Amino acid sequence: MKAGILLLSLFAVLLTGTLSAQILIKGKVLDGKNDQPIAYTNIGIINTRVGTIANGDGTFSIQIPAQH
C-alpha cells in the first residue's frame, strides 16, 4: 500500500517535538503518483486506539502518547 509507505515517511520526516509527554506529528498525505493531496485519509498507529483523519486538503495533526 503506497499510502502506508508514504505515511511512514511522513512520520519520520515530520516529527515535530513533545507536548506534555506526547509527540505531535503534523503532515500532509500525498498521492505517490501525482503528488496530489489525499483527502480524509485515516492515519494511526497499528493495533492501538491512536489515530486521526486527514482534512479535505490532506493535512493532519496527531498526538502520539509517550507509551507508543
Protein backbone atom coordinates (compact mmCIF):
# COMPACT_ATOMS: atom_id res chain seq x y z
CA MET A 1 0.00 0.00 0.00
CA LYS A 2 1.69 3.18 -1.21
CA ALA A 3 -0.24 5.37 1.23
CA GLY A 4 1.21 3.34 4.11
CA ILE A 5 4.76 3.79 2.85
CA LEU A 6 4.15 7.49 2.31
CA LEU A 7 2.65 7.82 5.78
CA LEU A 8 5.62 6.08 7.37
CA SER A 9 7.91 8.53 5.56
CA LEU A 10 5.83 11.44 6.81
CA PHE A 11 6.11 10.20 10.41
CA ALA A 12 9.89 10.03 10.10
CA VAL A 13 10.23 13.46 8.49
CA LEU A 14 7.59 15.46 10.31
CA LEU A 15 8.29 14.56 13.90
CA THR A 16 7.94 17.98 15.50
CA GLY A 17 8.51 17.65 19.22
CA THR A 18 6.92 16.74 22.50
CA LEU A 19 3.98 18.26 24.34
CA SER A 20 3.14 17.03 27.82
CA ALA A 21 4.93 13.70 27.32
CA GLN A 22 3.30 13.31 23.91
CA ILE A 23 4.71 13.63 20.41
CA LEU A 24 2.90 15.90 17.97
CA ILE A 25 3.12 14.95 14.31
CA LYS A 26 1.80 17.21 11.56
CA GLY A 27 1.86 16.42 7.88
CA LYS A 28 0.12 16.12 4.57
CA VAL A 29 -0.82 12.87 2.83
CA LEU A 30 0.02 12.95 -0.88
CA ASP A 31 -0.63 10.53 -3.74
CA GLY A 32 2.67 8.90 -4.72
CA LYS A 33 1.90 9.08 -8.45
CA ASN A 34 0.94 12.72 -8.89
CA ASP A 35 1.74 14.43 -5.55
CA GLN A 36 -1.89 15.47 -5.11
CA PRO A 37 -3.38 15.59 -1.59
CA ILE A 38 -5.44 12.61 -0.47
CA ALA A 39 -8.50 13.87 1.41
CA TYR A 40 -9.93 12.20 4.52
CA THR A 41 -7.24 9.52 4.83
CA ASN A 42 -7.06 7.51 8.08
CA ILE A 43 -3.80 7.93 9.97
CA GLY A 44 -2.90 5.92 13.06
CA ILE A 45 -0.72 3.50 14.94
CA ILE A 46 -1.50 -0.12 14.09
CA ASN A 47 -3.01 -2.19 16.92
CA THR A 48 -3.74 0.86 19.11
CA ARG A 49 -6.62 3.28 19.51
CA VAL A 50 -4.42 6.22 18.46
CA GLY A 51 -5.48 7.80 15.18
CA THR A 52 -6.95 10.68 13.23
CA ILE A 53 -8.33 11.58 9.81
CA ALA A 54 -6.72 13.96 7.34
CA ASN A 55 -8.65 17.09 6.34
CA GLY A 56 -10.04 17.70 2.87
CA ASP A 57 -6.67 19.06 1.76
CA GLY A 58 -4.76 16.03 3.10
CA THR A 59 -3.30 17.79 6.15
CA PHE A 60 -3.35 16.17 9.57
CA SER A 61 -2.11 16.54 13.13
CA ILE A 62 -1.87 13.69 15.61
CA GLN A 63 -0.59 13.45 19.17
CA ILE A 64 1.19 10.21 19.98
CA PRO A 65 1.20 9.24 23.68
CA ALA A 66 4.65 8.62 25.19
CA GLN A 67 3.99 4.87 25.62
CA HIS A 68 3.77 4.48 21.83
